[in-house]
Amino acid sequence: MIDGAGVSLNGNAGTDTLTINASAAANLDVTELAGVLAWETWTLGSNQAYTLTLQDNNIAASATLTIDASALTTAAATVSAAAVSAAGVRLNYTGGGGADILTVTAAMINGGAPTLDGNAGTDELRISATAAVNLDATELANGADWETWTLQSNQATTLTLANANIAASATLLIDASAL
């Protein structure tokens, strides 16, 4: 059980999956997740609201973490990876049926094409940056099912969207009010 500081869950070598099953809403912050290391996939396994705040310990430099929240049929997941600063990190995310919020850094997208899928629900993708941002259609090609993209940092930002970013007959709101 991840409940408070001091827990140590190390996936070590290989390809590992950590399944988190909550019986009620779960709020796991950087202190509670500090000892969760070397898991390549995190699965949110029960239809409860989850709030996860990731840090560098959770994703090693040049590694990829996949978070699967598809089991959340009505509940929402709020995942922030804004504090992750290790070089070359990638985050893949699949949301569920609730109103998910995912915060990633532009560096997690830049140079790659991570799968960032909001899935069902009214979802928000937040992108933070510490410098100017230029994300092209190739890098954003796997960003789908987000109704709102919020640019969180006061940095020059260029986005070249891909067809997959906006579903047919849908509206995508890009909130650049922080610029």
Foldseek 3Di string as FASTA:
>chain_A
DQDFADDADEPPDDAAEAEDEDPEEEEAECRSCVRQADHQEYEDAAQYEYEYEDAQRHWDALGEHEYEAANNAAYEYEYEPPRYDHHNYAYAYAHYAEAYEYEDELRNLPPAAHQAHNDHYAYEYEYEYPEEEEEEQRSPVRHADHQEYEDAAPYHYHYHHHPRHADPPGHHHYHDVRD
